[in-house]
Amino acid sequence: MMTRIHILLLVVLVFGMISGCTKGRDLPVQFVEGIVTLDGEPLAGANVAFIPKDFSLSADPANRPKLGTVPEVAGGSTDAQGQYLLGSVHGKPGKGALVGDYVVTIAKSELIRPPGADPASQEEGGSAPPPSRYITPKIYIDRTTTPFTATVVKGKNKFDFDLKSKP
């Protein structure tokens, strides 16, 4: 099940790839890393997205950004220790984000398997994706409700986020 933020990130990534406006050169991204915890424990397998604060994707086609003008979203996934490194579409993978102010979303989901179900049968060949549930509370998934923000500056940046099961 894709949420609005996942669809939004997919649209941004596709726009960025189609635009090709920085083909052959990398944007001046700044190193960004950090640790994500849930109730004080490392959160492995979470998706971290840094979305520019001024980002807007209007439902009205006339107000949508033109190709090549889409703000640069940065993202990464956490490892077993909850650590992440950001990368962006036009920057070098795993090297960071552009200088600026961001809203930060963090999402982790897992597949729901009925008792006694064969995991292989749900992952292969089904017409509909298997149902899933979020491990992270919804407040952290939506860019309009997340309490997390970050300001990326020139140089190395470190942002740690401690999520609460009951925010």
C-alpha atoms as a PDB file:
ATOM      1  CA  MET A   1       0.000   0.000   0.000  1.00  0.00           C
ATOM      2  CA  MET A   2       1.576   3.264  -1.097  1.00  0.00           C
ATOM      3  CA  THR A   3       0.939   6.355   0.968  1.00  0.00           C
ATOM      4  CA  ARG A   4       0.744   9.873  -0.381  1.00  0.00           C
ATOM      5  CA  ILE A   5       4.357  10.559   0.611  1.00  0.00           C
ATOM      6  CA  HIS A   6       5.605   7.478  -1.228  1.00  0.00           C
ATOM      7  CA  ILE A   7       3.664   8.497  -4.343  1.00  0.00           C
ATOM      8  CA  LEU A   8       4.970  12.050  -3.987  1.00  0.00           C
ATOM      9  CA  LEU A   9       8.567  10.848  -3.720  1.00  0.00           C
ATOM     10  CA  LEU A  10       8.096   8.572  -6.725  1.00  0.00           C
ATOM     11  CA  VAL A  11       6.736  11.481  -8.783  1.00  0.00           C
ATOM     12  CA  VAL A  12       9.663  13.693  -7.748  1.00  0.00           C
ATOM     13  CA  LEU A  13      12.191  10.999  -8.628  1.00  0.00           C
ATOM     14  CA  VAL A  14      10.569  10.391 -12.020  1.00  0.00           C
ATOM     15  CA  PHE A  15      10.464  14.132 -12.785  1.00  0.00           C
ATOM     16  CA  GLY A  16      14.114  14.400 -11.834  1.00  0.00           C
ATOM     17  CA  MET A  17      15.141  11.498 -14.029  1.00  0.00           C
ATOM     18  CA  ILE A  18      13.117  12.731 -16.990  1.00  0.00           C
ATOM     19  CA  SER A  19      14.370  16.305 -16.742  1.00  0.00           C
ATOM     20  CA  GLY A  20      18.014  15.402 -17.241  1.00  0.00           C
ATOM     21  CA  CYS A  21      18.805  19.015 -16.423  1.00  0.00           C
ATOM     22  CA  THR A  22      21.984  18.079 -14.578  1.00  0.00           C
ATOM     23  CA  LYS A  23      23.094  15.245 -16.815  1.00  0.00           C
ATOM     24  CA  GLY A  24      26.842  14.907 -16.716  1.00  0.00           C
ATOM     25  CA  ARG A  25      27.316  16.910 -13.524  1.00  0.00           C
ATOM     26  CA  ASP A  26      26.460  16.510  -9.891  1.00  0.00           C
ATOM     27  CA  LEU A  27      24.666  19.041  -7.736  1.00  0.00           C
ATOM     28  CA  PRO A  28      26.642  20.428  -4.786  1.00  0.00           C
ATOM     29  CA  VAL A  29      25.166  18.205  -2.115  1.00  0.00           C
ATOM     30  CA  GLN A  30      26.330  18.262   1.489  1.00  0.00           C
ATOM     31  CA  PHE A  31      27.009  15.124   3.519  1.00  0.00           C
ATOM     32  CA  VAL A  32      24.019  14.151   5.698  1.00  0.00           C
ATOM     33  CA  GLU A  33      23.857  11.226   8.090  1.00  0.00           C
ATOM     34  CA  GLY A  34      22.113  10.298  11.300  1.00  0.00           C
ATOM     35  CA  ILE A  35      20.473   7.656  13.429  1.00  0.00           C
ATOM     36  CA  VAL A  36      16.774   6.851  13.652  1.00  0.00           C
ATOM     37  CA  THR A  37      15.394   5.225  16.792  1.00  0.00           C
ATOM     38  CA  LEU A  38      11.915   4.148  17.828  1.00  0.00           C
ATOM     39  CA  ASP A  39      11.373   4.430  21.573  1.00  0.00           C
ATOM     40  CA  GLY A  40      15.152   4.612  22.018  1.00  0.00           C
ATOM     41  CA  GLU A  41      15.924   1.468  19.961  1.00  0.00           C
ATOM     42  CA  PRO A  42      17.556   1.544  16.484  1.00  0.00           C
ATOM     43  CA  LEU A  43      14.952   1.400  13.707  1.00  0.00           C
ATOM     44  CA  ALA A  44      16.252  -0.764  10.855  1.00  0.00           C
ATOM     45  CA  GLY A  45      14.740  -0.667   7.371  1.00  0.00           C
ATOM     46  CA  ALA A  46      13.060   2.723   7.657  1.00  0.00           C
ATOM     47  CA  ASN A  47      12.879   5.172   4.755  1.00  0.00           C
ATOM     48  CA  VAL A  48      14.052   8.691   5.591  1.00  0.00           C
ATOM     49  CA  ALA A  49      13.042  11.533   3.252  1.00  0.00           C
ATOM     50  CA  PHE A  50      14.205  15.148   3.359  1.00  0.00           C
ATOM     51  CA  ILE A  51      11.580  17.191   1.470  1.00  0.00           C
ATOM     52  CA  PRO A  52      12.277  20.881   0.805  1.00  0.00           C
ATOM     53  CA  LYS A  53      10.001  23.028   2.991  1.00  0.00           C
ATOM     54  CA  ASP A  54       8.883  25.024  -0.046  1.00  0.00           C
ATOM     55  CA  PHE A  55       7.931  21.877  -1.998  1.00  0.00           C
ATOM     56  CA  SER A  56       4.422  21.846  -3.392  1.00  0.00           C
ATOM     57  CA  LEU A  57       2.845  19.450  -5.851  1.00  0.00           C
ATOM     58  CA  SER A  58      -0.522  20.919  -6.729  1.00  0.00           C
ATOM     59  CA  ALA A  59      -3.459  18.747  -7.778  1.00  0.00           C
ATOM     60  CA  ASP A  60      -4.150  21.349 -10.478  1.00  0.00           C
ATOM     61  CA  PRO A  61      -2.033  20.481 -13.552  1.00  0.00           C
ATOM     62  CA  ALA A  62      -1.637  24.186 -14.367  1.00  0.00           C
ATOM     63  CA  ASN A  63       0.127  24.750 -11.022  1.00  0.00           C
ATOM     64  CA  ARG A  64       2.438  21.724 -11.110  1.00  0.00           C
ATOM     65  CA  PRO A  65       6.173  22.353 -11.386  1.00  0.00           C
ATOM     66  CA  LYS A  66       7.661  22.211 -14.868  1.00  0.00           C
ATOM     67  CA  LEU A  67      10.150  19.485 -15.713  1.00  0.00           C
ATOM     68  CA  GLY A  68      13.605  20.480 -14.548  1.00  0.00           C
ATOM     69  CA  THR A  69      12.250  22.740 -11.794  1.00  0.00           C
ATOM     70  CA  VAL A  70      11.217  20.075  -9.285  1.00  0.00           C
ATOM     71  CA  PRO A  71      12.861  20.637  -5.884  1.00  0.00           C
ATOM     72  CA  GLU A  72      15.598  18.178  -4.992  1.00  0.00           C
ATOM     73  CA  VAL A  73      14.295  15.625  -2.494  1.00  0.00           C
ATOM     74  CA  ALA A  74      16.889  13.523  -0.656  1.00  0.00           C
ATOM     75  CA  GLY A  75      16.397  10.141   0.932  1.00  0.00           C
ATOM     76  CA  GLY A  76      17.962   7.065   2.392  1.00  0.00           C
ATOM     77  CA  SER A  77      17.252   3.889   4.336  1.00  0.00           C
ATOM     78  CA  THR A  78      18.367   2.907   7.800  1.00  0.00           C
ATOM     79  CA  ASP A  79      20.643  -0.063   8.418  1.00  0.00           C
ATOM     80  CA  ALA A  80      20.484  -2.535  11.326  1.00  0.00           C
ATOM     81  CA  GLN A  81      21.878   0.118  13.702  1.00  0.00           C
ATOM     82  CA  GLY A  82      19.331   2.733  12.553  1.00  0.00           C
ATOM     83  CA  GLN A  83      21.984   4.706  10.648  1.00  0.00           C
ATOM     84  CA  TYR A  84      21.195   6.418   7.347  1.00  0.00           C
ATOM     85  CA  LEU A  85      23.085   8.340   4.670  1.00  0.00           C
ATOM     86  CA  LEU A  86      21.150  10.665   2.370  1.00  0.00           C
ATOM     87  CA  GLY A  87      21.379  10.705  -1.395  1.00  0.00           C
ATOM     88  CA  SER A  88      19.493  12.731  -3.996  1.00  0.00           C
ATOM     89  CA  VAL A  89      18.421  12.279  -7.601  1.00  0.00           C
ATOM     90  CA  HIS A  90      21.034  14.565  -9.125  1.00  0.00           C
ATOM     91  CA  GLY A  91      23.677  14.322  -6.437  1.00  0.00           C
ATOM     92  CA  LYS A  92      26.042  11.444  -5.898  1.00  0.00           C
ATOM     93  CA  PRO A  93      24.259   8.478  -4.253  1.00  0.00           C
ATOM     94  CA  GLY A  94      24.749   8.388  -0.497  1.00  0.00           C
ATOM     95  CA  LYS A  95      26.508  11.752  -0.482  1.00  0.00           C
ATOM     96  CA  GLY A  96      23.820  14.039   0.897  1.00  0.00           C
ATOM     97  CA  ALA A  97      21.358  16.825   0.207  1.00  0.00           C
ATOM     98  CA  LEU A  98      21.428  20.382  -1.053  1.00  0.00           C
ATOM     99  CA  VAL A  99      21.821  23.226   1.437  1.00  0.00           C
ATOM    100  CA  GLY A 100      18.389  24.279   2.667  1.00  0.00           C
ATOM    101  CA  ASP A 101      15.447  23.778   4.992  1.00  0.00           C
ATOM    102  CA  TYR A 102      13.645  20.439   4.964  1.00  0.00           C
ATOM    103  CA  VAL A 103      10.660  18.635   6.416  1.00  0.00           C
ATOM    104  CA  VAL A 104      11.712  15.096   7.374  1.00  0.00           C
ATOM    105  CA  THR A 105       9.464  12.071   7.025  1.00  0.00           C
ATOM    106  CA  ILE A 106      10.294   8.599   8.299  1.00  0.00           C
ATOM    107  CA  ALA A 107       8.360   5.478   7.349  1.00  0.00           C
ATOM    108  CA  LYS A 108       8.690   1.768   7.936  1.00  0.00           C
ATOM    109  CA  SER A 109       6.119  -0.852   7.037  1.00  0.00           C
ATOM    110  CA  GLU A 110       5.882  -4.612   7.122  1.00  0.00           C
ATOM    111  CA  LEU A 111       3.824  -7.161   5.214  1.00  0.00           C
ATOM    112  CA  ILE A 112       0.831  -8.634   6.979  1.00  0.00           C
ATOM    113  CA  ARG A 113       0.704 -12.400   6.623  1.00  0.00           C
ATOM    114  CA  PRO A 114      -2.359 -14.333   7.750  1.00  0.00           C
ATOM    115  CA  PRO A 115      -1.574 -17.075  10.283  1.00  0.00           C
ATOM    116  CA  GLY A 116      -0.295 -20.182   8.495  1.00  0.00           C
ATOM    117  CA  ALA A 117       0.159 -18.384   5.151  1.00  0.00           C
ATOM    118  CA  ASP A 118       3.115 -19.312   2.967  1.00  0.00           C
ATOM    119  CA  PRO A 119       5.330 -16.155   2.693  1.00  0.00           C
ATOM    120  CA  ALA A 120       6.488 -17.133  -0.820  1.00  0.00           C
ATOM    121  CA  SER A 121       2.924 -17.315  -2.136  1.00  0.00           C
ATOM    122  CA  GLN A 122       2.222 -13.716  -1.098  1.00  0.00           C
ATOM    123  CA  GLU A 123       5.398 -12.272  -2.558  1.00  0.00           C
ATOM    124  CA  GLU A 124       5.242 -13.971  -5.958  1.00  0.00           C
ATOM    125  CA  GLY A 125       2.734 -13.746  -8.750  1.00  0.00           C
ATOM    126  CA  GLY A 126      -0.181 -12.198  -6.875  1.00  0.00           C
ATOM    127  CA  SER A 127      -2.214  -9.620  -8.761  1.00  0.00           C
ATOM    128  CA  ALA A 128      -2.576  -7.333  -5.762  1.00  0.00           C
ATOM    129  CA  PRO A 129       0.274  -6.452  -3.440  1.00  0.00           C
ATOM    130  CA  PRO A 130       0.055  -8.123  -0.054  1.00  0.00           C
ATOM    131  CA  PRO A 131      -1.399  -5.940   2.690  1.00  0.00           C
ATOM    132  CA  SER A 132       1.011  -4.078   4.907  1.00  0.00           C
ATOM    133  CA  ARG A 133       0.946  -2.051   8.082  1.00  0.00           C
ATOM    134  CA  TYR A 134       3.124   0.784   9.261  1.00  0.00           C
ATOM    135  CA  ILE A 135       5.466   0.276  12.172  1.00  0.00           C
ATOM    136  CA  THR A 136       6.092   4.009  12.397  1.00  0.00           C
ATOM    137  CA  PRO A 137       3.159   6.113  13.607  1.00  0.00           C
ATOM    138  CA  LYS A 138       1.412   8.032  10.814  1.00  0.00           C
ATOM    139  CA  ILE A 139       2.449  11.404  12.247  1.00  0.00           C
ATOM    140  CA  TYR A 140       6.025  10.743  11.061  1.00  0.00           C
ATOM    141  CA  ILE A 141       5.023   9.560   7.571  1.00  0.00           C
ATOM    142  CA  ASP A 142       3.085  12.609   6.353  1.00  0.00           C
ATOM    143  CA  ARG A 143       5.009  15.781   5.518  1.00  0.00           C
ATOM    144  CA  THR A 144       2.146  17.907   6.842  1.00  0.00           C
ATOM    145  CA  THR A 145       2.154  16.304  10.307  1.00  0.00           C
ATOM    146  CA  THR A 146       5.750  15.265  10.968  1.00  0.00           C
ATOM    147  CA  PRO A 147       7.399  17.199  13.792  1.00  0.00           C
ATOM    148  CA  PHE A 148      10.837  16.715  12.224  1.00  0.00           C
ATOM    149  CA  THR A 149      12.696  19.412  10.328  1.00  0.00           C
ATOM    150  CA  ALA A 150      16.326  19.883   9.372  1.00  0.00           C
ATOM    151  CA  THR A 151      18.486  22.657   7.998  1.00  0.00           C
ATOM    152  CA  VAL A 152      21.317  21.318   5.853  1.00  0.00           C
ATOM    153  CA  VAL A 153      24.368  23.575   5.884  1.00  0.00           C
ATOM    154  CA  LYS A 154      27.626  23.465   3.959  1.00  0.00           C
ATOM    155  CA  GLY A 155      29.884  20.708   5.280  1.00  0.00           C
ATOM    156  CA  LYS A 156      28.970  17.624   7.284  1.00  0.00           C
ATOM    157  CA  ASN A 157      25.503  17.377   8.786  1.00  0.00           C
ATOM    158  CA  LYS A 158      24.182  14.940  11.381  1.00  0.00           C
ATOM    159  CA  PHE A 159      20.498  14.652  12.254  1.00  0.00           C
ATOM    160  CA  ASP A 160      19.248  12.015  14.694  1.00  0.00           C
ATOM    161  CA  PHE A 161      15.528  11.326  15.047  1.00  0.00           C
ATOM    162  CA  ASP A 162      13.866   9.552  17.975  1.00  0.00           C
ATOM    163  CA  LEU A 163      10.366   8.432  17.117  1.00  0.00           C
ATOM    164  CA  LYS A 164       7.841   7.493  19.777  1.00  0.00           C
ATOM    165  CA  SER A 165       5.316   4.655  19.392  1.00  0.00           C
ATOM    166  CA  LYS A 166       2.730   6.903  21.007  1.00  0.00           C
ATOM    167  CA  PRO A 167       3.654  10.475  19.979  1.00  0.00           C
END
